[in-house]
Amino acid sequence: MHTMWKGNISFGLVNIPIKLHTATEDKDIKLRTLHKECHAPIKYEKKCSACQKEVAPEEIVKAYEYAKGKYIILDGEELEKLRKENEDKAVEIIDFVKMEEIDPIYYEKCYYMSSGEGGNKAYALLRQALMESGKVGIAKIIIRSKEQLAVIRVYENTLVMETIHFPDEVRKVEDVPSVPAEGQIVKKELETAILLIDQLTTTFDPNKYTDDYRTALLHLIESKKSGKEIVVSKEKAETTNVMDLMAALQASIDTTKPNKPEEKKKRTRKKAVKEA
């Protein structure tokens, strides 16, 4: 597993050398853009918007736009020095909190943490302390020239660092358009909605969920690759003619009712007795 960051993390006087490894991967299918006429890949060149000339990498500089069309040029060496000064610092766990106090909206990206040289004992100590206390650590770290707030927790037997957004990076809910106010909810509709939730409630098993679109796209690609004719099912999902919210809830409950073989057997036996 590729190491994408290494350094030290500390809590109190305990210092742990660690390495970070990306915990998740993007399995999205990348499609290339081709010229329709000759099927050659389309190139995207970097051009200057003023002189319309293609620009080489060494001719490109970083800048901050502080007003429309006005920039502060930032030298590459200055940025690198600033990054190194902060990146080389040991990552310190600032606080310990309960994980349920952090809303999922703050979470960003997840990294596995492995122990660096000589850090096994301290790593195991932090892991066990987090498990027994039921807490997670809050720390700051610079990754790819950006300071991140992070949660340090235990996943199975491994320490995990999960970057989270700073509060000012989360947009205010007040700015979301067309959110209905808390109006009068019909009690019967609420009870039926809760009943539907109860019927669909189960133990979370991530293995039961699959990316159906990606599977279908891969099937399409493989079929075209082997020259097979693509057959698309014309079957449509059964729909119900639902006229109102209550009817929709009831129809949903009817379609999600668990099979009860015992009740079916009882009905069959009653029918047989009646006919006899």
C-alpha atoms as a PDB file:
ATOM      1  CA  MET A   1       0.000   0.000   0.000  1.00  0.00           C
ATOM      2  CA  HIS A   2       1.470   3.340  -1.104  1.00  0.00           C
ATOM      3  CA  THR A   3       2.615   5.766   1.626  1.00  0.00           C
ATOM      4  CA  MET A   4       1.266   9.231   0.819  1.00  0.00           C
ATOM      5  CA  TRP A   5       2.411  11.021   4.023  1.00  0.00           C
ATOM      6  CA  LYS A   6       4.746  10.220   6.904  1.00  0.00           C
ATOM      7  CA  GLY A   7       5.583  12.061  10.078  1.00  0.00           C
ATOM      8  CA  ASN A   8       4.785  11.996  13.774  1.00  0.00           C
ATOM      9  CA  ILE A   9       1.620  12.262  15.796  1.00  0.00           C
ATOM     10  CA  SER A  10       1.554  13.040  19.503  1.00  0.00           C
ATOM     11  CA  PHE A  11      -0.814  13.178  22.440  1.00  0.00           C
ATOM     12  CA  GLY A  12       0.606  14.611  25.640  1.00  0.00           C
ATOM     13  CA  LEU A  13       4.246  13.506  25.796  1.00  0.00           C
ATOM     14  CA  VAL A  14       3.652  10.370  23.716  1.00  0.00           C
ATOM     15  CA  ASN A  15       5.131  10.633  20.216  1.00  0.00           C
ATOM     16  CA  ILE A  16       4.204   8.108  17.481  1.00  0.00           C
ATOM     17  CA  PRO A  17       5.970   7.900  14.084  1.00  0.00           C
ATOM     18  CA  ILE A  18       3.263   7.085  11.533  1.00  0.00           C
ATOM     19  CA  LYS A  19       2.578   6.683   7.816  1.00  0.00           C
ATOM     20  CA  LEU A  20      -0.680   7.512   6.047  1.00  0.00           C
ATOM     21  CA  HIS A  21      -2.169   5.327   3.312  1.00  0.00           C
ATOM     22  CA  THR A  22      -5.305   6.206   1.322  1.00  0.00           C
ATOM     23  CA  ALA A  23      -8.098   4.010   2.697  1.00  0.00           C
ATOM     24  CA  THR A  24     -10.552   4.305  -0.191  1.00  0.00           C
ATOM     25  CA  GLU A  25     -10.313   4.258  -3.974  1.00  0.00           C
ATOM     26  CA  ASP A  26     -12.371   5.764  -6.774  1.00  0.00           C
ATOM     27  CA  LYS A  27     -13.675   2.966  -8.988  1.00  0.00           C
ATOM     28  CA  ASP A  28     -15.475   5.277 -11.386  1.00  0.00           C
ATOM     29  CA  ILE A  29     -15.022   4.218 -15.026  1.00  0.00           C
ATOM     30  CA  LYS A  30     -13.026   6.887 -16.848  1.00  0.00           C
ATOM     31  CA  LEU A  31     -14.219   7.580 -20.398  1.00  0.00           C
ATOM     32  CA  ARG A  32     -11.934   9.313 -22.909  1.00  0.00           C
ATOM     33  CA  THR A  33     -13.085  12.096 -25.229  1.00  0.00           C
ATOM     34  CA  LEU A  34     -12.391  11.335 -28.914  1.00  0.00           C
ATOM     35  CA  HIS A  35     -12.787  13.131 -32.216  1.00  0.00           C
ATOM     36  CA  LYS A  36     -15.933  11.606 -33.769  1.00  0.00           C
ATOM     37  CA  GLU A  37     -14.442  11.590 -37.267  1.00  0.00           C
ATOM     38  CA  CYS A  38     -11.094   9.821 -36.691  1.00  0.00           C
ATOM     39  CA  HIS A  39     -11.415   8.566 -33.071  1.00  0.00           C
ATOM     40  CA  ALA A  40      -8.209  10.301 -31.951  1.00  0.00           C
ATOM     41  CA  PRO A  41      -8.072  11.571 -28.317  1.00  0.00           C
ATOM     42  CA  ILE A  42      -8.918  15.229 -27.757  1.00  0.00           C
ATOM     43  CA  LYS A  43      -6.084  17.231 -26.136  1.00  0.00           C
ATOM     44  CA  TYR A  44      -6.658  20.072 -23.715  1.00  0.00           C
ATOM     45  CA  GLU A  45      -3.877  22.608 -24.075  1.00  0.00           C
ATOM     46  CA  LYS A  46      -2.978  25.311 -21.571  1.00  0.00           C
ATOM     47  CA  LYS A  47      -3.282  28.636 -23.363  1.00  0.00           C
ATOM     48  CA  CYS A  48      -2.913  32.207 -22.195  1.00  0.00           C
ATOM     49  CA  SER A  49      -6.308  33.945 -22.333  1.00  0.00           C
ATOM     50  CA  ALA A  50      -4.649  37.233 -23.440  1.00  0.00           C
ATOM     51  CA  CYS A  51      -2.059  36.291 -26.091  1.00  0.00           C
ATOM     52  CA  GLN A  52      -3.666  32.946 -27.058  1.00  0.00           C
ATOM     53  CA  LYS A  53      -0.281  31.186 -26.993  1.00  0.00           C
ATOM     54  CA  GLU A  54       0.305  27.734 -25.574  1.00  0.00           C
ATOM     55  CA  VAL A  55       2.074  28.009 -22.206  1.00  0.00           C
ATOM     56  CA  ALA A  56       4.825  25.634 -21.028  1.00  0.00           C
ATOM     57  CA  PRO A  57       4.788  24.384 -17.392  1.00  0.00           C
ATOM     58  CA  GLU A  58       7.856  26.499 -16.475  1.00  0.00           C
ATOM     59  CA  GLU A  59       6.002  29.639 -17.615  1.00  0.00           C
ATOM     60  CA  ILE A  60       3.139  29.101 -15.159  1.00  0.00           C
ATOM     61  CA  VAL A  61       3.051  30.783 -11.712  1.00  0.00           C
ATOM     62  CA  LYS A  62       0.613  30.612  -8.795  1.00  0.00           C
ATOM     63  CA  ALA A  63      -1.404  33.684  -7.812  1.00  0.00           C
ATOM     64  CA  TYR A  64      -4.254  34.749  -5.548  1.00  0.00           C
ATOM     65  CA  GLU A  65      -7.060  36.833  -7.084  1.00  0.00           C
ATOM     66  CA  TYR A  66      -7.874  39.405  -4.375  1.00  0.00           C
ATOM     67  CA  ALA A  67     -10.152  41.456  -6.669  1.00  0.00           C
ATOM     68  CA  LYS A  68     -11.572  40.919 -10.157  1.00  0.00           C
ATOM     69  CA  GLY A  69      -8.580  40.747 -12.514  1.00  0.00           C
ATOM     70  CA  LYS A  70      -6.076  41.697  -9.763  1.00  0.00           C
ATOM     71  CA  TYR A  71      -3.574  39.111  -8.531  1.00  0.00           C
ATOM     72  CA  ILE A  72      -0.884  38.601  -5.910  1.00  0.00           C
ATOM     73  CA  ILE A  73       1.900  36.470  -7.422  1.00  0.00           C
ATOM     74  CA  LEU A  74       3.163  33.773  -5.050  1.00  0.00           C
ATOM     75  CA  ASP A  75       6.652  32.451  -5.715  1.00  0.00           C
ATOM     76  CA  GLY A  76       7.037  28.671  -5.902  1.00  0.00           C
ATOM     77  CA  GLU A  77       9.946  28.666  -3.449  1.00  0.00           C
ATOM     78  CA  GLU A  78       7.931  30.709  -0.929  1.00  0.00           C
ATOM     79  CA  LEU A  79       5.039  28.265  -1.118  1.00  0.00           C
ATOM     80  CA  GLU A  80       7.347  25.257  -0.795  1.00  0.00           C
ATOM     81  CA  LYS A  81       9.118  26.760   2.229  1.00  0.00           C
ATOM     82  CA  LEU A  82       5.794  27.547   3.919  1.00  0.00           C
ATOM     83  CA  ARG A  83       4.535  24.041   3.217  1.00  0.00           C
ATOM     84  CA  LYS A  84       7.693  22.379   4.570  1.00  0.00           C
ATOM     85  CA  GLU A  85       7.735  24.506   7.736  1.00  0.00           C
ATOM     86  CA  ASN A  86       4.234  23.354   8.636  1.00  0.00           C
ATOM     87  CA  GLU A  87       4.374  19.829   7.238  1.00  0.00           C
ATOM     88  CA  ASP A  88       7.479  18.935   9.217  1.00  0.00           C
ATOM     89  CA  LYS A  89       5.767  19.702  12.507  1.00  0.00           C
ATOM     90  CA  ALA A  90       4.547  16.756  14.568  1.00  0.00           C
ATOM     91  CA  VAL A  91       0.782  16.381  14.349  1.00  0.00           C
ATOM     92  CA  GLU A  92      -0.638  16.948  17.820  1.00  0.00           C
ATOM     93  CA  ILE A  93      -3.956  15.604  19.015  1.00  0.00           C
ATOM     94  CA  ILE A  94      -5.630  18.737  20.356  1.00  0.00           C
ATOM     95  CA  ASP A  95      -8.760  17.267  21.959  1.00  0.00           C
ATOM     96  CA  PHE A  96     -10.584  14.015  22.572  1.00  0.00           C
ATOM     97  CA  VAL A  97     -14.335  13.930  21.911  1.00  0.00           C
ATOM     98  CA  LYS A  98     -17.198  11.473  21.443  1.00  0.00           C
ATOM     99  CA  MET A  99     -17.549  10.471  17.809  1.00  0.00           C
ATOM    100  CA  GLU A 100     -21.350  10.916  17.842  1.00  0.00           C
ATOM    101  CA  GLU A 101     -20.821  14.633  18.540  1.00  0.00           C
ATOM    102  CA  ILE A 102     -19.394  15.099  15.006  1.00  0.00           C
ATOM    103  CA  ASP A 103     -22.038  15.396  12.303  1.00  0.00           C
ATOM    104  CA  PRO A 104     -21.244  13.317   9.158  1.00  0.00           C
ATOM    105  CA  ILE A 105     -21.430  16.485   7.024  1.00  0.00           C
ATOM    106  CA  TYR A 106     -17.934  17.381   8.290  1.00  0.00           C
ATOM    107  CA  TYR A 107     -16.222  14.195   7.062  1.00  0.00           C
ATOM    108  CA  GLU A 108     -14.066  14.370   3.938  1.00  0.00           C
ATOM    109  CA  LYS A 109     -11.451  11.658   3.245  1.00  0.00           C
ATOM    110  CA  CYS A 110     -10.167   8.617   5.089  1.00  0.00           C
ATOM    111  CA  TYR A 111      -6.573   7.370   5.555  1.00  0.00           C
ATOM    112  CA  TYR A 112      -5.194   4.270   7.227  1.00  0.00           C
ATOM    113  CA  MET A 113      -2.409   4.945   9.722  1.00  0.00           C
ATOM    114  CA  SER A 114       0.447   2.470  10.013  1.00  0.00           C
ATOM    115  CA  SER A 115       3.243   2.571  12.551  1.00  0.00           C
ATOM    116  CA  GLY A 116       6.585   4.105  11.571  1.00  0.00           C
ATOM    117  CA  GLU A 117       9.947   2.824  12.721  1.00  0.00           C
ATOM    118  CA  GLY A 118      10.014   2.283  16.488  1.00  0.00           C
ATOM    119  CA  GLY A 119       6.403   3.325  16.926  1.00  0.00           C
ATOM    120  CA  ASN A 120       4.650  -0.011  17.501  1.00  0.00           C
ATOM    121  CA  LYS A 121       4.257   0.274  21.279  1.00  0.00           C
ATOM    122  CA  ALA A 122       2.966   3.877  21.239  1.00  0.00           C
ATOM    123  CA  TYR A 123       0.659   3.044  18.294  1.00  0.00           C
ATOM    124  CA  ALA A 124      -0.839   0.096  20.173  1.00  0.00           C
ATOM    125  CA  LEU A 125      -1.206   2.242  23.310  1.00  0.00           C
ATOM    126  CA  LEU A 126      -3.181   4.964  21.504  1.00  0.00           C
ATOM    127  CA  ARG A 127      -5.332   2.349  19.745  1.00  0.00           C
ATOM    128  CA  GLN A 128      -6.248   0.612  22.996  1.00  0.00           C
ATOM    129  CA  ALA A 129      -6.843   3.897  24.838  1.00  0.00           C
ATOM    130  CA  LEU A 130      -9.239   5.095  22.127  1.00  0.00           C
ATOM    131  CA  MET A 131     -11.101   1.778  22.112  1.00  0.00           C
ATOM    132  CA  GLU A 132     -11.558   1.641  25.870  1.00  0.00           C
ATOM    133  CA  SER A 133     -12.438   5.321  26.293  1.00  0.00           C
ATOM    134  CA  GLY A 134     -14.887   5.327  23.377  1.00  0.00           C
ATOM    135  CA  LYS A 135     -13.387   8.639  22.238  1.00  0.00           C
ATOM    136  CA  VAL A 136     -11.753   9.938  19.042  1.00  0.00           C
ATOM    137  CA  GLY A 137      -8.873  12.389  18.758  1.00  0.00           C
ATOM    138  CA  ILE A 138      -9.053  15.770  17.000  1.00  0.00           C
ATOM    139  CA  ALA A 139      -5.814  16.884  15.309  1.00  0.00           C
ATOM    140  CA  LYS A 140      -4.472  19.250  12.643  1.00  0.00           C
ATOM    141  CA  ILE A 141      -2.324  18.126   9.726  1.00  0.00           C
ATOM    142  CA  ILE A 142      -1.046  19.613   6.455  1.00  0.00           C
ATOM    143  CA  ILE A 143      -1.661  17.362   3.447  1.00  0.00           C
ATOM    144  CA  ARG A 144      -0.811  18.534  -0.079  1.00  0.00           C
ATOM    145  CA  SER A 145      -0.275  22.157   0.992  1.00  0.00           C
ATOM    146  CA  LYS A 146      -3.614  22.379   2.796  1.00  0.00           C
ATOM    147  CA  GLU A 147      -4.126  22.410   6.536  1.00  0.00           C
ATOM    148  CA  GLN A 148      -6.748  19.867   7.537  1.00  0.00           C
ATOM    149  CA  LEU A 149      -8.694  19.199  10.663  1.00  0.00           C
ATOM    150  CA  ALA A 150      -8.752  15.458  11.302  1.00  0.00           C
ATOM    151  CA  VAL A 151     -10.378  12.792  13.427  1.00  0.00           C
ATOM    152  CA  ILE A 152      -8.214   9.908  14.663  1.00  0.00           C
ATOM    153  CA  ARG A 153     -10.207   6.787  15.468  1.00  0.00           C
ATOM    154  CA  VAL A 154     -10.031   2.993  15.437  1.00  0.00           C
ATOM    155  CA  TYR A 155     -11.391   0.938  12.526  1.00  0.00           C
ATOM    156  CA  GLU A 156     -11.214  -2.779  13.277  1.00  0.00           C
ATOM    157  CA  ASN A 157      -7.602  -3.084  14.584  1.00  0.00           C
ATOM    158  CA  THR A 158      -6.170  -0.098  12.694  1.00  0.00           C
ATOM    159  CA  LEU A 159      -5.879   3.590  13.512  1.00  0.00           C
ATOM    160  CA  VAL A 160      -7.625   5.743  10.926  1.00  0.00           C
ATOM    161  CA  MET A 161      -7.208   9.437  10.231  1.00  0.00           C
ATOM    162  CA  GLU A 162     -10.300  11.005   8.731  1.00  0.00           C
ATOM    163  CA  THR A 163      -9.979  14.576   7.485  1.00  0.00           C
ATOM    164  CA  ILE A 164     -12.933  16.808   8.300  1.00  0.00           C
ATOM    165  CA  HIS A 165     -14.015  20.239   7.095  1.00  0.00           C
ATOM    166  CA  PHE A 166     -13.456  23.357   9.155  1.00  0.00           C
ATOM    167  CA  PRO A 167     -16.768  24.949  10.247  1.00  0.00           C
ATOM    168  CA  ASP A 168     -16.425  27.837   7.752  1.00  0.00           C
ATOM    169  CA  GLU A 169     -16.150  25.289   4.909  1.00  0.00           C
ATOM    170  CA  VAL A 170     -19.638  23.925   5.617  1.00  0.00           C
ATOM    171  CA  ARG A 171     -22.286  26.086   3.999  1.00  0.00           C
ATOM    172  CA  LYS A 172     -25.113  27.387   6.159  1.00  0.00           C
ATOM    173  CA  VAL A 173     -28.393  25.478   5.998  1.00  0.00           C
ATOM    174  CA  GLU A 174     -30.187  28.824   6.014  1.00  0.00           C
ATOM    175  CA  ASP A 175     -28.875  29.365   2.463  1.00  0.00           C
ATOM    176  CA  VAL A 176     -30.536  26.194   1.118  1.00  0.00           C
ATOM    177  CA  PRO A 177     -33.522  27.212  -1.050  1.00  0.00           C
ATOM    178  CA  SER A 178     -37.027  25.735  -0.862  1.00  0.00           C
ATOM    179  CA  VAL A 179     -36.759  23.963   2.485  1.00  0.00           C
ATOM    180  CA  PRO A 180     -40.319  23.537   3.830  1.00  0.00           C
ATOM    181  CA  ALA A 181     -41.087  24.914   7.268  1.00  0.00           C
ATOM    182  CA  GLU A 182     -42.203  22.571  10.033  1.00  0.00           C
ATOM    183  CA  GLY A 183     -45.873  22.472   9.163  1.00  0.00           C
ATOM    184  CA  GLN A 184     -48.793  20.489  10.534  1.00  0.00           C
ATOM    185  CA  ILE A 185     -48.153  16.769   9.975  1.00  0.00           C
ATOM    186  CA  VAL A 186     -51.125  14.423   9.929  1.00  0.00           C
ATOM    187  CA  LYS A 187     -50.660  11.928  12.775  1.00  0.00           C
ATOM    188  CA  LYS A 188     -51.814   8.940  10.701  1.00  0.00           C
ATOM    189  CA  GLU A 189     -49.302   9.764   7.930  1.00  0.00           C
ATOM    190  CA  LEU A 190     -46.483  10.029  10.483  1.00  0.00           C
ATOM    191  CA  GLU A 191     -47.410   6.703  12.094  1.00  0.00           C
ATOM    192  CA  THR A 192     -47.514   5.008   8.675  1.00  0.00           C
ATOM    193  CA  ALA A 193     -44.151   6.533   7.685  1.00  0.00           C
ATOM    194  CA  ILE A 194     -42.589   5.241  10.939  1.00  0.00           C
ATOM    195  CA  LEU A 195     -44.121   1.802  10.293  1.00  0.00           C
ATOM    196  CA  LEU A 196     -42.515   1.784   6.824  1.00  0.00           C
ATOM    197  CA  ILE A 197     -39.132   2.745   8.346  1.00  0.00           C
ATOM    198  CA  ASP A 198     -39.479  -0.083  10.896  1.00  0.00           C
ATOM    199  CA  GLN A 199     -40.213  -2.603   8.141  1.00  0.00           C
ATOM    200  CA  LEU A 200     -37.168  -1.506   6.134  1.00  0.00           C
ATOM    201  CA  THR A 201     -34.854  -1.374   9.154  1.00  0.00           C
ATOM    202  CA  THR A 202     -32.033  -3.928   9.139  1.00  0.00           C
ATOM    203  CA  THR A 203     -28.430  -4.399  10.277  1.00  0.00           C
ATOM    204  CA  PHE A 204     -26.005  -2.445   8.085  1.00  0.00           C
ATOM    205  CA  ASP A 205     -24.055  -4.784   5.799  1.00  0.00           C
ATOM    206  CA  PRO A 206     -21.948  -2.833   3.267  1.00  0.00           C
ATOM    207  CA  ASN A 207     -21.411  -5.961   1.156  1.00  0.00           C
ATOM    208  CA  LYS A 208     -25.069  -6.057   0.077  1.00  0.00           C
ATOM    209  CA  TYR A 209     -24.803  -2.731  -1.769  1.00  0.00           C
ATOM    210  CA  THR A 210     -23.314  -2.680  -5.266  1.00  0.00           C
ATOM    211  CA  ASP A 211     -22.694  -0.083  -7.961  1.00  0.00           C
ATOM    212  CA  ASP A 212     -25.263  -1.290 -10.512  1.00  0.00           C
ATOM    213  CA  TYR A 213     -24.492   1.465 -13.016  1.00  0.00           C
ATOM    214  CA  ARG A 214     -20.771   0.666 -13.060  1.00  0.00           C
ATOM    215  CA  THR A 215     -21.529  -3.063 -13.492  1.00  0.00           C
ATOM    216  CA  ALA A 216     -23.894  -2.362 -16.391  1.00  0.00           C
ATOM    217  CA  LEU A 217     -21.378  -0.009 -18.024  1.00  0.00           C
ATOM    218  CA  LEU A 218     -18.598  -2.606 -17.764  1.00  0.00           C
ATOM    219  CA  HIS A 219     -20.946  -5.201 -19.281  1.00  0.00           C
ATOM    220  CA  LEU A 220     -21.718  -2.839 -22.156  1.00  0.00           C
ATOM    221  CA  ILE A 221     -18.004  -2.190 -22.755  1.00  0.00           C
ATOM    222  CA  GLU A 222     -17.099  -5.913 -22.661  1.00  0.00           C
ATOM    223  CA  SER A 223     -19.990  -6.794 -24.988  1.00  0.00           C
ATOM    224  CA  LYS A 224     -18.929  -4.159 -27.513  1.00  0.00           C
ATOM    225  CA  LYS A 225     -15.311  -5.276 -27.192  1.00  0.00           C
ATOM    226  CA  SER A 226     -16.210  -8.878 -28.077  1.00  0.00           C
ATOM    227  CA  GLY A 227     -18.575  -7.790 -30.853  1.00  0.00           C
ATOM    228  CA  LYS A 228     -21.692  -9.169 -29.199  1.00  0.00           C
ATOM    229  CA  GLU A 229     -25.109  -7.645 -29.768  1.00  0.00           C
ATOM    230  CA  ILE A 230     -26.283  -5.606 -26.811  1.00  0.00           C
ATOM    231  CA  VAL A 231     -29.703  -6.639 -25.540  1.00  0.00           C
ATOM    232  CA  VAL A 232     -31.462  -4.215 -23.250  1.00  0.00           C
ATOM    233  CA  SER A 233     -34.338  -5.477 -21.163  1.00  0.00           C
ATOM    234  CA  LYS A 234     -37.667  -3.816 -22.010  1.00  0.00           C
ATOM    235  CA  GLU A 235     -39.134  -4.823 -18.669  1.00  0.00           C
ATOM    236  CA  LYS A 236     -40.332  -1.928 -16.570  1.00  0.00           C
ATOM    237  CA  ALA A 237     -40.590  -1.841 -12.831  1.00  0.00           C
ATOM    238  CA  GLU A 238     -44.127  -2.276 -11.568  1.00  0.00           C
ATOM    239  CA  THR A 239     -45.647   1.070 -10.692  1.00  0.00           C
ATOM    240  CA  THR A 240     -48.644   1.900  -8.552  1.00  0.00           C
ATOM    241  CA  ASN A 241     -51.121   4.618  -9.340  1.00  0.00           C
ATOM    242  CA  VAL A 242     -50.659   6.558  -6.121  1.00  0.00           C
ATOM    243  CA  MET A 243     -52.881   9.588  -5.734  1.00  0.00           C
ATOM    244  CA  ASP A 244     -51.795  10.990  -2.364  1.00  0.00           C
ATOM    245  CA  LEU A 245     -49.143  10.762   0.355  1.00  0.00           C
ATOM    246  CA  MET A 246     -51.122   8.349   2.557  1.00  0.00           C
ATOM    247  CA  ALA A 247     -51.753   6.024  -0.385  1.00  0.00           C
ATOM    248  CA  ALA A 248     -48.053   6.142  -1.296  1.00  0.00           C
ATOM    249  CA  LEU A 249     -47.048   5.196   2.250  1.00  0.00           C
ATOM    250  CA  GLN A 250     -49.568   2.353   2.417  1.00  0.00           C
ATOM    251  CA  ALA A 251     -48.528   1.046  -1.004  1.00  0.00           C
ATOM    252  CA  SER A 252     -44.887   1.110   0.124  1.00  0.00           C
ATOM    253  CA  ILE A 253     -45.741  -0.849   3.272  1.00  0.00           C
ATOM    254  CA  ASP A 254     -47.677  -3.442   1.264  1.00  0.00           C
ATOM    255  CA  THR A 255     -44.722  -4.007  -1.088  1.00  0.00           C
ATOM    256  CA  THR A 256     -42.208  -4.315   1.767  1.00  0.00           C
ATOM    257  CA  LYS A 257     -44.184  -6.642   4.046  1.00  0.00           C
ATOM    258  CA  PRO A 258     -42.076  -9.688   4.969  1.00  0.00           C
ATOM    259  CA  ASN A 259     -43.275 -13.075   3.763  1.00  0.00           C
ATOM    260  CA  LYS A 260     -45.074 -14.974   6.493  1.00  0.00           C
ATOM    261  CA  PRO A 261     -45.153 -18.650   5.449  1.00  0.00           C
ATOM    262  CA  GLU A 262     -46.856 -19.722   8.694  1.00  0.00           C
ATOM    263  CA  GLU A 263     -49.826 -17.432   8.038  1.00  0.00           C
ATOM    264  CA  LYS A 264     -50.002 -18.733   4.449  1.00  0.00           C
ATOM    265  CA  LYS A 265     -50.054 -22.350   5.729  1.00  0.00           C
ATOM    266  CA  LYS A 266     -52.839 -21.498   8.210  1.00  0.00           C
ATOM    267  CA  ARG A 267     -54.934 -19.939   5.431  1.00  0.00           C
ATOM    268  CA  THR A 268     -54.374 -23.013   3.231  1.00  0.00           C
ATOM    269  CA  ARG A 269     -55.392 -25.397   6.046  1.00  0.00           C
ATOM    270  CA  LYS A 270     -58.545 -23.362   6.817  1.00  0.00           C
ATOM    271  CA  LYS A 271     -59.486 -23.430   3.131  1.00  0.00           C
ATOM    272  CA  ALA A 272     -58.983 -27.200   2.974  1.00  0.00           C
ATOM    273  CA  VAL A 273     -61.146 -27.768   6.096  1.00  0.00           C
ATOM    274  CA  LYS A 274     -63.883 -25.512   4.725  1.00  0.00           C
ATOM    275  CA  GLU A 275     -63.943 -27.330   1.400  1.00  0.00           C
ATOM    276  CA  ALA A 276     -64.104 -30.724   3.183  1.00  0.00           C
END
